[in-house]
Amino acid sequence: MQDLIIWKIKRFNELSLHELYSVLKLRSHVFVVEQNCVYQDVDGKDEKAIHLFGEFENQIVAYARLFNSGDYFENASIGRVVVHPDVRNKKWGHELMQNAIAGIKTYYNQENITISAQLYLKNFYESHDFVQTSEMYLEDDIPHIEMKRG
């Protein structure tokens, strides 16, 4: 039997309390605990974002937030891209990015997308037609680069 992930996309006010809690738990698990990075994940920007998430076995295991141009960067943007470590072997990160790019087009009618990518994921984002547009910089003490698509 094939593993099936169910993709959902919602505005902030459409998220259930359970979905919101699960999203914040996943982001904290990876960005704070796994990456050993103390930072303010709840940054006041979630209300502006469209929330894309994948459910597997009734658990949110993949997530990204999508922004219109001007809400985060000059261009539309994708951020907080995360896949739970227990399912990374399923390569759902690629599906997540494909759905995120499609979501930007559907919800915001935008082609140009900017991201702040962790440097070690440069090749992953390049496989989705992003190109590096900045030198390396530290964001929360983690090496990042700006990348653009479109």
C-alpha atoms as a PDB file:
ATOM      1  CA  MET A   1       0.000   0.000   0.000  1.00  0.00           C
ATOM      2  CA  GLN A   2       1.284   3.437  -0.928  1.00  0.00           C
ATOM      3  CA  ASP A   3       1.766   6.067   1.754  1.00  0.00           C
ATOM      4  CA  LEU A   4      -0.713   8.832   1.104  1.00  0.00           C
ATOM      5  CA  ILE A   5      -0.347  12.357   2.375  1.00  0.00           C
ATOM      6  CA  ILE A   6      -3.410  14.589   2.319  1.00  0.00           C
ATOM      7  CA  TRP A   7      -2.664  18.232   1.479  1.00  0.00           C
ATOM      8  CA  LYS A   8      -4.758  21.068   2.875  1.00  0.00           C
ATOM      9  CA  ILE A   9      -4.466  24.817   2.513  1.00  0.00           C
ATOM     10  CA  LYS A  10      -6.248  27.297   4.777  1.00  0.00           C
ATOM     11  CA  ARG A  11      -6.259  30.900   5.832  1.00  0.00           C
ATOM     12  CA  PHE A  12      -5.372  31.559   9.484  1.00  0.00           C
ATOM     13  CA  ASN A  13      -8.978  32.035  10.587  1.00  0.00           C
ATOM     14  CA  GLU A  14      -9.949  28.743   8.925  1.00  0.00           C
ATOM     15  CA  LEU A  15      -7.502  26.644  10.960  1.00  0.00           C
ATOM     16  CA  SER A  16      -9.047  24.599  13.753  1.00  0.00           C
ATOM     17  CA  LEU A  17      -7.488  24.881  17.193  1.00  0.00           C
ATOM     18  CA  HIS A  18      -6.169  21.324  16.770  1.00  0.00           C
ATOM     19  CA  GLU A  19      -4.591  22.171  13.401  1.00  0.00           C
ATOM     20  CA  LEU A  20      -2.987  25.348  14.751  1.00  0.00           C
ATOM     21  CA  TYR A  21      -1.619  23.514  17.784  1.00  0.00           C
ATOM     22  CA  SER A  22      -0.241  20.717  15.563  1.00  0.00           C
ATOM     23  CA  VAL A  23       1.427  23.219  13.216  1.00  0.00           C
ATOM     24  CA  LEU A  24       3.081  25.090  16.102  1.00  0.00           C
ATOM     25  CA  LYS A  25       4.157  21.781  17.674  1.00  0.00           C
ATOM     26  CA  LEU A  26       5.779  20.625  14.403  1.00  0.00           C
ATOM     27  CA  ARG A  27       7.554  23.950  13.872  1.00  0.00           C
ATOM     28  CA  SER A  28       8.831  23.939  17.459  1.00  0.00           C
ATOM     29  CA  HIS A  29       9.938  20.294  17.214  1.00  0.00           C
ATOM     30  CA  VAL A  30      12.101  20.967  14.156  1.00  0.00           C
ATOM     31  CA  PHE A  31      13.141  24.625  14.280  1.00  0.00           C
ATOM     32  CA  VAL A  32      13.672  24.946  18.043  1.00  0.00           C
ATOM     33  CA  VAL A  33      14.437  21.463  19.400  1.00  0.00           C
ATOM     34  CA  GLU A  34      15.982  19.535  16.468  1.00  0.00           C
ATOM     35  CA  GLN A  35      17.989  22.520  15.217  1.00  0.00           C
ATOM     36  CA  ASN A  36      18.811  23.599  18.776  1.00  0.00           C
ATOM     37  CA  CYS A  37      17.841  27.184  18.003  1.00  0.00           C
ATOM     38  CA  VAL A  38      16.172  29.428  20.529  1.00  0.00           C
ATOM     39  CA  TYR A  39      14.095  31.911  18.546  1.00  0.00           C
ATOM     40  CA  GLN A  40      10.598  33.405  18.465  1.00  0.00           C
ATOM     41  CA  ASP A  41       8.674  31.099  16.114  1.00  0.00           C
ATOM     42  CA  VAL A  42       5.326  32.741  16.877  1.00  0.00           C
ATOM     43  CA  ASP A  43       6.293  35.995  15.182  1.00  0.00           C
ATOM     44  CA  GLY A  44       2.965  37.721  14.574  1.00  0.00           C
ATOM     45  CA  LYS A  45       2.968  36.876  10.861  1.00  0.00           C
ATOM     46  CA  ASP A  46       0.808  33.748  10.917  1.00  0.00           C
ATOM     47  CA  GLU A  47      -2.398  35.794  10.674  1.00  0.00           C
ATOM     48  CA  LYS A  48      -1.308  37.166   7.268  1.00  0.00           C
ATOM     49  CA  ALA A  49      -0.248  33.794   5.865  1.00  0.00           C
ATOM     50  CA  ILE A  50      -1.963  31.033   3.964  1.00  0.00           C
ATOM     51  CA  HIS A  51      -1.132  27.756   5.725  1.00  0.00           C
ATOM     52  CA  LEU A  52      -0.296  24.682   3.674  1.00  0.00           C
ATOM     53  CA  PHE A  53       0.002  21.391   5.493  1.00  0.00           C
ATOM     54  CA  GLY A  54       0.144  17.686   4.832  1.00  0.00           C
ATOM     55  CA  GLU A  55      -1.529  15.092   7.023  1.00  0.00           C
ATOM     56  CA  PHE A  56      -0.400  11.491   7.283  1.00  0.00           C
ATOM     57  CA  GLU A  57      -2.096   9.032   9.619  1.00  0.00           C
ATOM     58  CA  ASN A  58      -4.108  11.951  11.089  1.00  0.00           C
ATOM     59  CA  GLN A  59      -0.955  13.900  11.997  1.00  0.00           C
ATOM     60  CA  ILE A  60       0.385  17.087  10.436  1.00  0.00           C
ATOM     61  CA  VAL A  61       3.816  16.066   9.152  1.00  0.00           C
ATOM     62  CA  ALA A  62       4.613  18.761   6.562  1.00  0.00           C
ATOM     63  CA  TYR A  63       3.960  22.483   6.569  1.00  0.00           C
ATOM     64  CA  ALA A  64       4.730  25.825   4.922  1.00  0.00           C
ATOM     65  CA  ARG A  65       3.272  29.286   5.172  1.00  0.00           C
ATOM     66  CA  LEU A  66       2.633  31.409   2.090  1.00  0.00           C
ATOM     67  CA  PHE A  67       2.699  35.203   1.908  1.00  0.00           C
ATOM     68  CA  ASN A  68       1.493  37.706  -0.649  1.00  0.00           C
ATOM     69  CA  SER A  69       3.950  40.240  -2.051  1.00  0.00           C
ATOM     70  CA  GLY A  70       4.682  42.936   0.498  1.00  0.00           C
ATOM     71  CA  ASP A  71       3.636  40.857   3.521  1.00  0.00           C
ATOM     72  CA  TYR A  72       7.126  39.450   4.161  1.00  0.00           C
ATOM     73  CA  PHE A  73       9.345  40.242   1.172  1.00  0.00           C
ATOM     74  CA  GLU A  74       8.774  42.512  -1.815  1.00  0.00           C
ATOM     75  CA  ASN A  75       7.745  39.380  -3.748  1.00  0.00           C
ATOM     76  CA  ALA A  76       5.372  36.670  -2.621  1.00  0.00           C
ATOM     77  CA  SER A  77       7.172  34.261  -0.312  1.00  0.00           C
ATOM     78  CA  ILE A  78       7.211  30.822   1.244  1.00  0.00           C
ATOM     79  CA  GLY A  79       8.498  30.240   4.750  1.00  0.00           C
ATOM     80  CA  ARG A  80       8.622  27.871   7.720  1.00  0.00           C
ATOM     81  CA  VAL A  81       9.045  24.967   5.276  1.00  0.00           C
ATOM     82  CA  VAL A  82       9.193  21.863   7.442  1.00  0.00           C
ATOM     83  CA  VAL A  83       8.797  18.090   7.257  1.00  0.00           C
ATOM     84  CA  HIS A  84       8.712  15.944  10.385  1.00  0.00           C
ATOM     85  CA  PRO A  85      11.960  13.945  10.723  1.00  0.00           C
ATOM     86  CA  ASP A  86      10.063  10.643  10.987  1.00  0.00           C
ATOM     87  CA  VAL A  87       8.770  10.982   7.403  1.00  0.00           C
ATOM     88  CA  ARG A  88      11.605  12.757   5.609  1.00  0.00           C
ATOM     89  CA  ASN A  89      12.508   9.503   3.865  1.00  0.00           C
ATOM     90  CA  LYS A  90       9.211   9.755   1.953  1.00  0.00           C
ATOM     91  CA  LYS A  91      10.468  12.866   0.052  1.00  0.00           C
ATOM     92  CA  TRP A  92       7.290  14.824   0.804  1.00  0.00           C
ATOM     93  CA  GLY A  93       9.329  18.012   0.966  1.00  0.00           C
ATOM     94  CA  HIS A  94       9.237  18.113  -2.828  1.00  0.00           C
ATOM     95  CA  GLU A  95       5.442  17.745  -2.874  1.00  0.00           C
ATOM     96  CA  LEU A  96       5.260  20.429  -0.199  1.00  0.00           C
ATOM     97  CA  MET A  97       7.227  22.887  -2.347  1.00  0.00           C
ATOM     98  CA  GLN A  98       5.237  22.048  -5.489  1.00  0.00           C
ATOM     99  CA  ASN A  99       2.008  22.705  -3.583  1.00  0.00           C
ATOM    100  CA  ALA A 100       3.427  25.888  -2.028  1.00  0.00           C
ATOM    101  CA  ILE A 101       4.404  27.298  -5.433  1.00  0.00           C
ATOM    102  CA  ALA A 102       0.966  26.364  -6.809  1.00  0.00           C
ATOM    103  CA  GLY A 103      -0.672  27.965  -3.761  1.00  0.00           C
ATOM    104  CA  ILE A 104       1.158  31.238  -4.369  1.00  0.00           C
ATOM    105  CA  LYS A 105      -0.153  31.231  -7.948  1.00  0.00           C
ATOM    106  CA  THR A 106      -3.701  30.269  -6.952  1.00  0.00           C
ATOM    107  CA  TYR A 107      -4.195  32.518  -3.924  1.00  0.00           C
ATOM    108  CA  TYR A 108      -2.047  35.501  -4.872  1.00  0.00           C
ATOM    109  CA  ASN A 109      -1.707  35.251  -8.666  1.00  0.00           C
ATOM    110  CA  GLN A 110       2.053  35.735  -8.298  1.00  0.00           C
ATOM    111  CA  GLU A 111       4.927  34.123 -10.206  1.00  0.00           C
ATOM    112  CA  ASN A 112       7.895  35.767  -8.452  1.00  0.00           C
ATOM    113  CA  ILE A 113       8.703  34.159  -5.107  1.00  0.00           C
ATOM    114  CA  THR A 114      11.436  35.004  -2.591  1.00  0.00           C
ATOM    115  CA  ILE A 115      12.579  32.730   0.227  1.00  0.00           C
ATOM    116  CA  SER A 116      15.097  32.894   3.036  1.00  0.00           C
ATOM    117  CA  ALA A 117      16.576  29.410   2.752  1.00  0.00           C
ATOM    118  CA  GLN A 118      18.794  27.548   5.143  1.00  0.00           C
ATOM    119  CA  LEU A 119      22.086  27.233   3.288  1.00  0.00           C
ATOM    120  CA  TYR A 120      22.278  23.441   3.570  1.00  0.00           C
ATOM    121  CA  LEU A 121      18.996  23.209   1.592  1.00  0.00           C
ATOM    122  CA  LYS A 122      20.291  25.216  -1.393  1.00  0.00           C
ATOM    123  CA  ASN A 123      20.267  22.211  -3.768  1.00  0.00           C
ATOM    124  CA  PHE A 124      16.757  21.226  -2.653  1.00  0.00           C
ATOM    125  CA  TYR A 125      15.389  24.686  -3.493  1.00  0.00           C
ATOM    126  CA  GLU A 126      17.380  24.835  -6.745  1.00  0.00           C
ATOM    127  CA  SER A 127      15.540  21.663  -7.795  1.00  0.00           C
ATOM    128  CA  HIS A 128      12.374  23.807  -7.595  1.00  0.00           C
ATOM    129  CA  ASP A 129      13.873  26.535  -9.823  1.00  0.00           C
ATOM    130  CA  PHE A 130      15.004  28.898  -7.065  1.00  0.00           C
ATOM    131  CA  VAL A 131      18.314  30.698  -7.583  1.00  0.00           C
ATOM    132  CA  GLN A 132      20.594  32.168  -4.951  1.00  0.00           C
ATOM    133  CA  THR A 133      20.398  35.973  -4.864  1.00  0.00           C
ATOM    134  CA  SER A 134      22.457  36.870  -1.788  1.00  0.00           C
ATOM    135  CA  GLU A 135      25.600  36.008   0.066  1.00  0.00           C
ATOM    136  CA  MET A 136      25.273  33.793   3.145  1.00  0.00           C
ATOM    137  CA  TYR A 137      23.897  35.549   6.231  1.00  0.00           C
ATOM    138  CA  LEU A 138      23.027  34.388   9.721  1.00  0.00           C
ATOM    139  CA  GLU A 139      19.400  34.235  10.742  1.00  0.00           C
ATOM    140  CA  ASP A 140      18.973  33.051  14.335  1.00  0.00           C
ATOM    141  CA  ASP A 141      22.617  31.868  14.147  1.00  0.00           C
ATOM    142  CA  ILE A 142      21.834  29.521  11.232  1.00  0.00           C
ATOM    143  CA  PRO A 143      23.430  30.149   7.780  1.00  0.00           C
ATOM    144  CA  HIS A 144      20.798  31.316   5.271  1.00  0.00           C
ATOM    145  CA  ILE A 145      20.694  32.651   1.709  1.00  0.00           C
ATOM    146  CA  GLU A 146      18.037  34.573  -0.127  1.00  0.00           C
ATOM    147  CA  MET A 147      16.682  32.731  -3.160  1.00  0.00           C
ATOM    148  CA  LYS A 148      14.223  33.778  -5.854  1.00  0.00           C
ATOM    149  CA  ARG A 149      12.042  32.039  -8.395  1.00  0.00           C
ATOM    150  CA  GLY A 150      10.245  33.518 -11.384  1.00  0.00           C
END
